[in-house]
Amino acid sequence: MTDVVSHLRNSMDEMAIQARSIALMTEMKSITAEVDKLKAAKGRYLADEKTLQALAAGPGATDEERATVKAIAALAAKTIPMIQEAGEQAADGNNVEAALSLTNRILPLETQWRDQLQSLRKSIATDSEAAVASAKMAEATLMAILGAFALAAIGVGSLVGWRLIHSVKAPLERAKSFAQRVAEGDLSAHVESDRDDELGQLLHALGTMQDKLRSLVGHIRNTAESIGTASKEVAVGNQDLSERTEQTASSLQNAASAMTQLTGTVRQSADAASQANQLATSATDVARRGAQAVSTVVATMTEINNSSKKISDIIGVIDGIAFQTNILALNAAVEAARAGEQGRGFAVVASEVRSLAQRSAGAAKEIKSLIGASVERVEMGARQVTDAGTTMREIESSVERVTAIISEISSAAAEQSSGIGQVSGSVQQLETMTQQNAALVEQSAAAAESLRDQADSLNTLVHAFRLE
């Protein structure tokens, strides 16, 4: 209990110190750390207080100590919340209020609290000293009593010993002779006694031991013979099992070799399928690029066709302009003829303009004819390119289908290769297990042979005992 009181005093001092430290601090980080220490000290105090109350409730505590413990608990219940409240005030920045509370309210209670703890410690120390003194006195008294008893026991023991020597010697000689015969393996002897004391019970126990030992040796002899017979049968069975296990191991080894060859063949097929898949993928890419190129050509031909149509329209406009120019030239020539001599120069110009208009109209017709033929060829080429694009798309679709089929074949070959690899691994594991079983069978055969030898040895040892 003294240690518990010391722990309570230390925890109380820690709480008081932490509260005063918080009241003097201004940095929040330091205040938070001190608040955590205050809470930890409170937890330790409450735990030690429960221990102290349990000790005070026991039979070793006095009524005065129990009253002191109750007073300490009451002061703690009143003071600890005040200390915690002061710490919280300081943590909130109210250092002055916290300091006043610690000085005016908490310090008097803290003094009473500390005095009660000191009083309890002194009371416990006084009880301990009294208990030590009482124990020393009891020890001295006990030593004196034991000395007297020892002297009396020496006298009585001498007398009893003399009588025991004469009454015990003959039965002990019989027991010694009987034990000697048992040690030599003779279990046929019998021992009897009509005494009811400890020596009679000893001789009776020796007789019972001999009967049970005779039964045990007989049972061991029969068991040793059975073990010898069974070990011989086990050895024969193990030899047969060993031969069959070796045959199984040989068959599994051949199967493992065949599976290894099959695995290599399937792996080559899988590699070939993988290469075919890569080639088909490349062909798909080439067909896709060809289809894209044809689509580009179709678009270009379409644009050329549209441009040719626009040029044809423009030439039609030029032809119309030439026709109108020719009409205007004719009108100008008519007006020049009406003008007579004054319009002769204008008539020449009109004639030239008419000639140019006719030439432009002729050229426009020729260009229109050429453009028309070009448009027809372009349209024919566009149709052919469109057909080629359709064919390329069909080729691309066919190549994609072939690629998908080859990919499925490649996946199936890979799965077959993996499955055969697993089967090969399983066969190899079976081969290993069979070889291990063969080794275990050989060990079992050796163990059976050893067991048979040990059974023979045990049988020889047991036959050394004479039962009748």
Protein backbone atom coordinates (compact mmCIF):
# COMPACT_ATOMS: atom_id res chain seq x y z
CA MET A 1 0.00 0.00 0.00
CA THR A 2 2.97 2.31 0.60
CA ASP A 3 3.93 2.18 -3.09
CA VAL A 4 0.37 3.06 -4.13
CA VAL A 5 0.35 6.09 -1.81
CA SER A 6 3.68 7.22 -3.28
CA HIS A 7 2.27 6.91 -6.81
CA LEU A 8 -0.78 8.96 -5.79
CA ARG A 9 1.45 11.66 -4.30
CA ASN A 10 3.57 11.80 -7.48
CA SER A 11 0.50 12.00 -9.75
CA MET A 12 -1.00 14.77 -7.58
CA ASP A 13 2.24 16.77 -7.71
CA GLU A 14 2.41 16.31 -11.50
CA MET A 15 -1.14 17.65 -11.94
CA ALA A 16 -0.38 20.70 -9.78
CA ILE A 17 2.89 21.39 -11.62
CA GLN A 18 1.27 21.03 -15.06
CA ALA A 19 -1.58 23.39 -14.10
CA ARG A 20 0.86 26.06 -12.85
CA SER A 21 3.02 25.64 -15.94
CA ILE A 22 0.00 26.16 -18.20
CA ALA A 23 -0.91 29.33 -16.31
CA LEU A 24 2.57 30.76 -17.03
CA MET A 25 2.71 29.81 -20.75
CA THR A 26 1.58 31.83 -23.78
CA GLU A 27 2.57 29.60 -26.72
CA MET A 28 -0.33 27.34 -27.77
CA LYS A 29 1.90 24.41 -28.81
CA SER A 30 3.52 24.25 -25.35
CA ILE A 31 0.14 24.70 -23.65
CA THR A 32 -1.32 21.78 -25.63
CA ALA A 33 1.59 19.54 -24.62
CA GLU A 34 1.18 20.43 -20.94
CA VAL A 35 -2.60 19.84 -21.12
CA ASP A 36 -1.91 16.33 -22.47
CA LYS A 37 0.52 15.69 -19.60
CA LEU A 38 -2.12 16.94 -17.13
CA LYS A 39 -4.70 14.50 -18.53
CA ALA A 40 -2.18 11.62 -18.37
CA ALA A 41 -1.35 12.41 -14.72
CA LYS A 42 -5.08 12.50 -13.92
CA GLY A 43 -5.55 9.06 -15.51
CA ARG A 44 -2.68 7.57 -13.49
CA TYR A 45 -4.03 9.08 -10.27
CA LEU A 46 -7.54 7.68 -10.77
CA ALA A 47 -6.14 4.20 -11.55
CA ASP A 48 -3.95 4.21 -8.42
CA GLU A 49 -6.89 5.53 -6.38
CA LYS A 50 -8.98 2.48 -7.36
CA THR A 51 -6.10 0.21 -6.27
CA LEU A 52 -5.83 2.04 -2.92
CA GLN A 53 -9.57 1.72 -2.25
CA ALA A 54 -9.41 -2.02 -2.98
CA LEU A 55 -6.50 -2.44 -0.52
CA ALA A 56 -8.31 -0.38 2.13
CA ALA A 57 -11.36 -2.64 1.83
CA GLY A 58 -9.18 -5.69 2.65
CA PRO A 59 -8.62 -7.23 6.10
CA GLY A 60 -5.11 -5.75 6.48
CA ALA A 61 -6.29 -2.12 6.78
CA THR A 62 -7.38 -0.38 10.00
CA ASP A 63 -10.51 1.72 10.47
CA GLU A 64 -8.37 4.85 10.72
CA GLU A 65 -6.70 4.04 7.38
CA ARG A 66 -10.08 3.43 5.74
CA ALA A 67 -11.32 6.82 6.98
CA THR A 68 -8.17 8.50 5.66
CA VAL A 69 -8.65 6.83 2.25
CA LYS A 70 -12.23 8.14 2.11
CA ALA A 71 -11.03 11.66 2.98
CA ILE A 72 -8.36 11.47 0.26
CA ALA A 73 -10.96 10.36 -2.30
CA ALA A 74 -13.28 13.23 -1.32
CA LEU A 75 -10.49 15.82 -1.62
CA ALA A 76 -9.41 14.37 -4.97
CA ALA A 77 -12.96 14.45 -6.32
CA LYS A 78 -13.20 18.11 -5.34
CA THR A 79 -9.72 19.30 -6.31
CA ILE A 80 -9.02 17.49 -9.62
CA PRO A 81 -11.90 19.20 -11.52
CA MET A 82 -10.66 22.57 -10.24
CA ILE A 83 -7.13 21.84 -11.44
CA GLN A 84 -8.45 20.75 -14.83
CA GLU A 85 -10.67 23.85 -15.02
CA ALA A 86 -7.68 26.10 -14.27
CA GLY A 87 -5.68 24.37 -16.99
CA GLU A 88 -8.51 24.91 -19.48
CA GLN A 89 -8.76 28.60 -18.50
CA ALA A 90 -5.04 29.05 -19.12
CA ALA A 91 -5.31 27.18 -22.43
CA ASP A 92 -8.08 29.62 -23.45
CA GLY A 93 -5.78 32.56 -22.69
CA ASN A 94 -7.20 33.46 -19.26
CA ASN A 95 -3.86 33.08 -17.46
CA VAL A 96 -4.69 35.60 -14.73
CA GLU A 97 -7.93 33.88 -13.76
CA ALA A 98 -6.21 30.51 -13.82
CA ALA A 99 -3.40 31.78 -11.56
CA LEU A 100 -5.91 33.28 -9.09
CA SER A 101 -7.90 30.04 -9.01
CA LEU A 102 -4.73 28.02 -8.37
CA THR A 103 -3.68 30.36 -5.54
CA ASN A 104 -6.97 31.11 -3.79
CA ARG A 105 -9.10 28.00 -4.36
CA ILE A 106 -6.89 25.05 -5.23
CA LEU A 107 -3.81 25.61 -3.03
CA PRO A 108 -5.66 25.18 0.34
CA LEU A 109 -7.38 22.00 -0.88
CA GLU A 110 -4.10 20.77 -2.31
CA THR A 111 -2.41 21.26 1.08
CA GLN A 112 -5.13 19.23 2.86
CA TRP A 113 -4.92 16.59 0.13
CA ARG A 114 -1.14 16.27 0.53
CA ASP A 115 -1.42 16.15 4.36
CA GLN A 116 -3.95 13.30 4.20
CA LEU A 117 -1.65 11.31 1.89
CA GLN A 118 1.29 11.92 4.26
CA SER A 119 -0.84 10.84 7.23
CA LEU A 120 -1.84 7.63 5.47
CA ARG A 121 1.79 6.89 4.62
CA LYS A 122 2.86 7.33 8.29
CA SER A 123 0.00 5.10 9.49
CA ILE A 124 1.00 2.35 7.07
CA ALA A 125 4.66 2.63 8.15
CA THR A 126 3.65 2.37 11.84
CA ASP A 127 1.54 -0.75 11.18
CA SER A 128 4.42 -2.33 9.28
CA GLU A 129 6.88 -1.76 12.16
CA ALA A 130 4.43 -3.27 14.66
CA ALA A 131 3.89 -6.30 12.45
CA VAL A 132 7.65 -6.84 12.15
CA ALA A 133 8.15 -6.67 15.93
CA SER A 134 5.28 -9.11 16.52
CA ALA A 135 6.72 -11.52 13.97
CA LYS A 136 10.14 -11.45 15.64
CA MET A 137 8.60 -12.23 19.06
CA ALA A 138 6.58 -15.11 17.62
CA GLU A 139 9.71 -16.46 15.96
CA ALA A 140 11.64 -16.49 19.26
CA THR A 141 8.79 -18.29 21.05
CA LEU A 142 8.51 -20.87 18.30
CA MET A 143 12.25 -21.58 18.39
CA ALA A 144 12.10 -22.27 22.13
CA ILE A 145 9.15 -24.66 21.73
CA LEU A 146 10.86 -26.46 18.87
CA GLY A 147 14.02 -26.91 20.95
CA ALA A 148 12.06 -28.58 23.73
CA PHE A 149 10.27 -30.85 21.32
CA ALA A 150 13.57 -31.79 19.68
CA LEU A 151 15.09 -32.96 22.99
CA ALA A 152 12.01 -35.03 23.77
CA ALA A 153 11.97 -36.52 20.29
CA ILE A 154 15.61 -37.62 20.58
CA GLY A 155 14.90 -39.67 23.70
CA VAL A 156 11.71 -41.25 22.37
CA GLY A 157 13.32 -41.90 19.00
CA SER A 158 16.21 -43.81 20.55
CA LEU A 159 13.86 -46.17 22.37
CA VAL A 160 11.56 -46.69 19.40
CA GLY A 161 14.54 -47.24 17.10
CA TRP A 162 15.94 -50.01 19.26
CA ARG A 163 12.62 -51.85 19.21
CA LEU A 164 12.10 -51.30 15.50
CA ILE A 165 15.46 -52.81 14.64
CA HIS A 166 14.51 -56.09 16.28
CA SER A 167 10.97 -56.21 14.82
CA VAL A 168 11.89 -55.12 11.29
CA LYS A 169 15.07 -57.06 10.52
CA ALA A 170 13.50 -60.50 9.82
CA PRO A 171 10.73 -59.28 7.44
CA LEU A 172 13.23 -57.08 5.64
CA GLU A 173 15.50 -60.10 5.10
CA ARG A 174 12.57 -61.98 3.54
CA ALA A 175 11.73 -58.99 1.34
CA LYS A 176 15.39 -58.68 0.30
CA SER A 177 15.61 -62.37 -0.68
CA PHE A 178 12.34 -62.16 -2.62
CA ALA A 179 13.45 -59.00 -4.49
CA GLN A 180 16.79 -60.68 -5.32
CA ARG A 181 14.99 -63.62 -6.97
CA VAL A 182 12.77 -61.25 -8.95
CA ALA A 183 15.85 -59.31 -10.07
CA GLU A 184 17.37 -62.59 -11.34
CA GLY A 185 14.25 -63.23 -13.45
CA ASP A 186 12.61 -65.83 -11.21
CA LEU A 187 8.93 -64.90 -11.00
CA SER A 188 7.78 -68.30 -9.71
CA ALA A 189 8.44 -67.58 -6.00
CA HIS A 190 5.63 -66.69 -3.57
CA VAL A 191 5.75 -64.49 -0.49
CA GLU A 192 3.19 -64.49 2.35
CA SER A 193 2.86 -62.64 5.66
CA ASP A 194 0.39 -62.68 8.54
CA ARG A 195 1.44 -59.27 9.88
CA ASP A 196 -0.88 -56.26 9.62
CA ASP A 197 1.75 -53.56 10.12
CA GLU A 198 3.74 -51.69 7.49
CA LEU A 199 6.17 -54.61 6.96
CA GLY A 200 3.26 -56.98 6.37
CA GLN A 201 1.81 -54.51 3.89
CA LEU A 202 5.27 -54.31 2.22
CA LEU A 203 5.47 -58.10 1.82
CA HIS A 204 1.89 -58.21 0.54
CA ALA A 205 2.69 -55.43 -1.94
CA LEU A 206 5.77 -57.37 -3.12
CA GLY A 207 3.59 -60.43 -3.72
CA THR A 208 1.05 -58.36 -5.64
CA MET A 209 3.89 -56.79 -7.65
CA GLN A 210 5.22 -60.27 -8.51
CA ASP A 211 1.79 -61.45 -9.71
CA LYS A 212 1.31 -58.38 -11.90
CA LEU A 213 4.88 -58.59 -13.17
CA ARG A 214 4.37 -62.27 -14.05
CA SER A 215 1.18 -61.35 -15.97
CA LEU A 216 2.93 -58.41 -17.66
CA VAL A 217 5.93 -60.49 -18.77
CA GLY A 218 3.61 -63.17 -20.15
CA HIS A 219 1.65 -60.55 -22.06
CA ILE A 220 4.86 -58.98 -23.35
CA ARG A 221 6.11 -62.40 -24.47
CA ASN A 222 2.91 -63.05 -26.45
CA THR A 223 2.98 -59.51 -27.88
CA ALA A 224 6.63 -59.88 -28.93
CA GLU A 225 5.80 -63.08 -30.79
CA SER A 226 2.83 -61.36 -32.50
CA ILE A 227 5.00 -58.36 -33.42
CA GLY A 228 7.62 -60.68 -34.91
CA THR A 229 5.00 -62.43 -37.06
CA ALA A 230 3.37 -59.15 -38.13
CA SER A 231 6.73 -57.53 -38.95
CA LYS A 232 7.59 -60.45 -41.23
CA GLU A 233 4.26 -60.04 -43.06
CA VAL A 234 4.83 -56.25 -43.31
CA ALA A 235 8.31 -56.83 -44.74
CA VAL A 236 6.91 -59.17 -47.42
CA GLY A 237 4.12 -56.70 -48.28
CA ASN A 238 6.57 -53.79 -48.44
CA GLN A 239 8.79 -55.75 -50.82
CA ASP A 240 5.82 -56.39 -53.14
CA LEU A 241 4.72 -52.75 -52.87
CA SER A 242 8.27 -51.59 -53.62
CA GLU A 243 8.36 -53.61 -56.85
CA ARG A 244 4.98 -52.26 -57.97
CA THR A 245 5.98 -48.70 -57.08
CA GLU A 246 9.12 -49.03 -59.18
CA GLN A 247 7.02 -50.24 -62.13
CA THR A 248 4.65 -47.28 -61.67
CA ALA A 249 7.59 -44.88 -61.51
CA SER A 250 8.96 -46.30 -64.77
CA SER A 251 5.57 -45.91 -66.49
CA LEU A 252 5.22 -42.35 -65.22
CA GLN A 253 8.72 -41.55 -66.44
CA ASN A 254 7.80 -42.76 -69.95
CA ALA A 255 4.57 -40.74 -69.79
CA ALA A 256 6.51 -37.66 -68.67
CA SER A 257 8.91 -38.07 -71.61
CA ALA A 258 5.99 -38.38 -74.05
CA MET A 259 4.27 -35.34 -72.53
CA THR A 260 7.51 -33.37 -72.88
CA GLN A 261 7.70 -34.22 -76.60
CA LEU A 262 4.00 -33.38 -77.05
CA THR A 263 4.53 -30.09 -75.23
CA GLY A 264 7.35 -29.20 -77.63
CA THR A 265 5.18 -30.04 -80.67
CA VAL A 266 2.22 -28.02 -79.38
CA ARG A 267 4.54 -25.14 -78.53
CA GLN A 268 5.86 -25.16 -82.13
CA SER A 269 2.27 -25.15 -83.41
CA ALA A 270 1.45 -22.27 -81.09
CA ASP A 271 4.50 -20.34 -82.34
CA ALA A 272 3.49 -20.98 -85.97
CA ALA A 273 -0.07 -19.86 -85.24
CA SER A 274 1.29 -16.76 -83.51
CA GLN A 275 3.44 -15.92 -86.56
CA ALA A 276 0.45 -16.50 -88.86
CA ASN A 277 -1.58 -14.21 -86.61
CA GLN A 278 1.09 -11.51 -86.91
CA LEU A 279 1.19 -11.91 -90.73
CA ALA A 280 -2.62 -11.76 -90.92
CA THR A 281 -2.57 -8.65 -88.74
CA SER A 282 -0.01 -7.09 -91.08
CA ALA A 283 -2.16 -8.05 -94.10
CA THR A 284 -5.16 -6.47 -92.39
CA ASP A 285 -3.20 -3.27 -91.89
CA VAL A 286 -2.08 -3.29 -95.57
CA ALA A 287 -5.66 -3.90 -96.77
CA ARG A 288 -6.92 -1.15 -94.47
CA ARG A 289 -4.32 1.27 -95.83
CA GLY A 290 -5.23 0.23 -99.41
CA ALA A 291 -8.90 0.84 -98.70
CA GLN A 292 -8.03 4.23 -97.23
CA ALA A 293 -5.93 5.06 -100.35
CA VAL A 294 -8.77 4.02 -102.65
CA SER A 295 -11.17 6.13 -100.61
CA THR A 296 -8.78 9.05 -101.01
CA VAL A 297 -8.60 8.47 -104.80
CA VAL A 298 -12.40 8.28 -104.98
CA ALA A 299 -12.65 11.58 -103.13
CA THR A 300 -10.05 13.13 -105.46
CA MET A 301 -11.84 11.85 -108.57
CA THR A 302 -15.09 13.20 -107.21
CA GLU A 303 -13.49 16.59 -106.70
CA ILE A 304 -12.03 16.47 -110.27
CA ASN A 305 -15.46 15.56 -111.62
CA ASN A 306 -17.03 18.45 -109.74
CA SER A 307 -14.30 20.81 -110.99
CA SER A 308 -14.85 19.61 -114.58
CA LYS A 309 -18.55 20.28 -114.26
CA LYS A 310 -17.79 23.75 -112.94
CA ILE A 311 -15.40 24.37 -115.89
CA SER A 312 -18.10 23.16 -118.30
CA ASP A 313 -20.53 25.59 -116.74
CA ILE A 314 -18.00 28.41 -117.04
CA ILE A 315 -17.37 27.56 -120.72
CA GLY A 316 -21.14 27.62 -121.25
CA VAL A 317 -21.14 31.13 -119.83
CA ILE A 318 -18.24 32.07 -122.15
CA ASP A 319 -20.14 30.59 -125.12
CA GLY A 320 -23.18 32.66 -124.20
CA ILE A 321 -21.04 35.78 -123.92
CA ALA A 322 -19.52 35.06 -127.38
CA PHE A 323 -23.00 34.56 -128.83
CA GLN A 324 -24.20 37.85 -127.38
CA THR A 325 -20.99 39.57 -128.56
CA ASN A 326 -21.61 38.24 -132.09
CA ILE A 327 -25.14 39.61 -132.04
CA LEU A 328 -23.87 42.95 -130.77
CA ALA A 329 -21.24 42.97 -133.54
CA LEU A 330 -23.94 42.31 -136.15
CA ASN A 331 -26.00 45.14 -134.74
CA ALA A 332 -22.93 47.38 -134.79
CA ALA A 333 -22.25 46.46 -138.44
CA VAL A 334 -25.82 47.27 -139.38
CA GLU A 335 -25.60 50.62 -137.62
CA ALA A 336 -22.22 51.29 -139.32
CA ALA A 337 -23.75 50.54 -142.73
CA ARG A 338 -26.51 52.99 -142.01
CA ALA A 339 -23.94 55.58 -141.05
CA GLY A 340 -22.25 55.27 -144.42
CA GLU A 341 -18.77 56.70 -144.78
CA GLN A 342 -18.68 57.88 -141.19
CA GLY A 343 -19.32 54.45 -139.77
CA ARG A 344 -16.82 52.59 -141.94
CA GLY A 345 -14.17 52.47 -139.20
CA PHE A 346 -16.74 51.32 -136.72
CA ALA A 347 -17.81 48.64 -139.21
CA VAL A 348 -14.23 47.36 -139.40
CA VAL A 349 -14.04 47.16 -135.63
CA ALA A 350 -17.41 45.44 -135.47
CA SER A 351 -16.27 42.96 -138.06
CA GLU A 352 -13.15 42.17 -136.03
CA VAL A 353 -15.20 41.84 -132.87
CA ARG A 354 -17.60 39.51 -134.65
CA SER A 355 -14.69 37.47 -135.92
CA LEU A 356 -13.25 37.23 -132.40
CA ALA A 357 -16.65 36.30 -131.00
CA GLN A 358 -17.05 33.54 -133.55
CA ARG A 359 -13.56 32.27 -132.82
CA SER A 360 -14.28 32.38 -129.04
CA ALA A 361 -17.53 30.52 -129.59
CA GLY A 362 -15.73 27.90 -131.65
CA ALA A 363 -12.99 27.51 -129.08
CA ALA A 364 -15.57 27.31 -126.31
CA LYS A 365 -17.43 24.57 -128.14
CA GLU A 366 -14.21 22.61 -128.64
CA ILE A 367 -13.25 23.05 -124.96
CA LYS A 368 -16.77 22.09 -123.92
CA SER A 369 -16.53 18.99 -126.08
CA LEU A 370 -13.14 18.10 -124.56
CA ILE A 371 -14.39 18.81 -121.03
CA GLY A 372 -17.47 16.67 -121.66
CA ALA A 373 -15.31 13.78 -122.82
CA SER A 374 -13.01 14.32 -119.80
CA VAL A 375 -15.99 14.37 -117.45
CA GLU A 376 -17.24 11.09 -118.90
CA ARG A 377 -13.79 9.53 -118.47
CA VAL A 378 -13.53 10.93 -114.92
CA GLU A 379 -16.97 9.55 -114.06
CA MET A 380 -15.99 6.19 -115.54
CA GLY A 381 -12.72 6.28 -113.54
CA ALA A 382 -14.63 7.27 -110.40
CA ARG A 383 -16.98 4.32 -110.87
CA GLN A 384 -14.01 2.02 -111.38
CA VAL A 385 -12.26 3.45 -108.32
CA THR A 386 -15.48 3.07 -106.32
CA ASP A 387 -15.69 -0.55 -107.42
CA ALA A 388 -12.03 -0.97 -106.45
CA GLY A 389 -12.77 0.59 -103.04
CA THR A 390 -15.67 -1.80 -102.55
CA THR A 391 -13.40 -4.70 -103.51
CA MET A 392 -10.70 -3.45 -101.10
CA ARG A 393 -13.23 -3.20 -98.29
CA GLU A 394 -14.37 -6.74 -99.03
CA ILE A 395 -10.72 -7.83 -99.03
CA GLU A 396 -10.19 -5.97 -95.74
CA SER A 397 -13.27 -7.63 -94.22
CA SER A 398 -12.10 -11.05 -95.43
CA VAL A 399 -8.59 -10.46 -94.07
CA GLU A 400 -10.06 -9.35 -90.72
CA ARG A 401 -12.15 -12.53 -90.58
CA VAL A 402 -9.07 -14.59 -91.43
CA THR A 403 -7.12 -12.68 -88.76
CA ALA A 404 -9.84 -13.37 -86.19
CA ILE A 405 -9.86 -17.07 -87.08
CA ILE A 406 -6.05 -17.28 -86.91
CA SER A 407 -6.14 -15.38 -83.59
CA GLU A 408 -8.63 -17.90 -82.22
CA ILE A 409 -6.42 -20.72 -83.49
CA SER A 410 -3.40 -19.05 -81.84
CA SER A 411 -5.30 -18.63 -78.56
CA ALA A 412 -6.50 -22.23 -78.68
CA ALA A 413 -2.95 -23.42 -79.41
CA ALA A 414 -1.63 -21.33 -76.51
CA GLU A 415 -4.31 -22.75 -74.19
CA GLN A 416 -3.50 -26.27 -75.39
CA SER A 417 0.19 -25.60 -74.79
CA SER A 418 -0.58 -24.28 -71.30
CA GLY A 419 -2.89 -27.21 -70.54
CA ILE A 420 -0.38 -29.76 -71.79
CA GLY A 421 2.31 -27.97 -69.77
CA GLN A 422 0.14 -28.30 -66.65
CA VAL A 423 -0.52 -31.97 -67.42
CA SER A 424 3.22 -32.47 -67.95
CA GLY A 425 3.92 -30.76 -64.64
CA SER A 426 1.32 -32.94 -62.93
CA VAL A 427 2.86 -36.07 -64.45
CA GLN A 428 6.29 -34.96 -63.28
CA GLN A 429 4.87 -34.32 -59.80
CA LEU A 430 3.31 -37.80 -59.84
CA GLU A 431 6.66 -39.21 -60.92
CA THR A 432 8.39 -37.38 -58.08
CA MET A 433 5.74 -38.50 -55.60
CA THR A 434 6.03 -42.09 -56.84
CA GLN A 435 9.79 -41.98 -56.44
CA GLN A 436 9.32 -40.57 -52.94
CA ASN A 437 6.79 -43.32 -52.21
CA ALA A 438 9.31 -45.86 -53.44
CA ALA A 439 11.90 -44.40 -51.08
CA LEU A 440 9.34 -44.45 -48.24
CA VAL A 441 8.48 -48.06 -49.04
CA GLU A 442 12.16 -48.96 -48.86
CA GLN A 443 12.42 -47.11 -45.55
CA SER A 444 9.29 -48.89 -44.33
CA ALA A 445 10.78 -52.22 -45.36
CA ALA A 446 13.96 -51.39 -43.49
CA ALA A 447 11.88 -50.29 -40.47
CA ALA A 448 9.88 -53.54 -40.62
CA GLU A 449 13.11 -55.53 -40.74
CA SER A 450 14.44 -53.55 -37.79
CA LEU A 451 11.14 -54.07 -35.95
CA ARG A 452 11.41 -57.80 -36.54
CA ASP A 453 14.95 -57.83 -35.15
CA GLN A 454 13.84 -55.82 -32.12
CA ALA A 455 10.88 -58.18 -31.61
CA ASP A 456 13.28 -61.13 -31.69
CA SER A 457 15.53 -59.37 -29.19
CA LEU A 458 12.54 -58.57 -26.96
CA ASN A 459 11.36 -62.15 -27.17
CA THR A 460 14.82 -63.36 -26.16
CA LEU A 461 14.87 -60.96 -23.19
CA VAL A 462 11.37 -61.94 -22.06
CA HIS A 463 12.20 -65.65 -22.19
CA ALA A 464 14.90 -64.95 -19.61
CA PHE A 465 12.08 -64.70 -17.01
CA ARG A 466 10.84 -67.91 -15.43
CA LEU A 467 7.09 -67.76 -14.89
CA GLU A 468 6.46 -71.22 -13.40
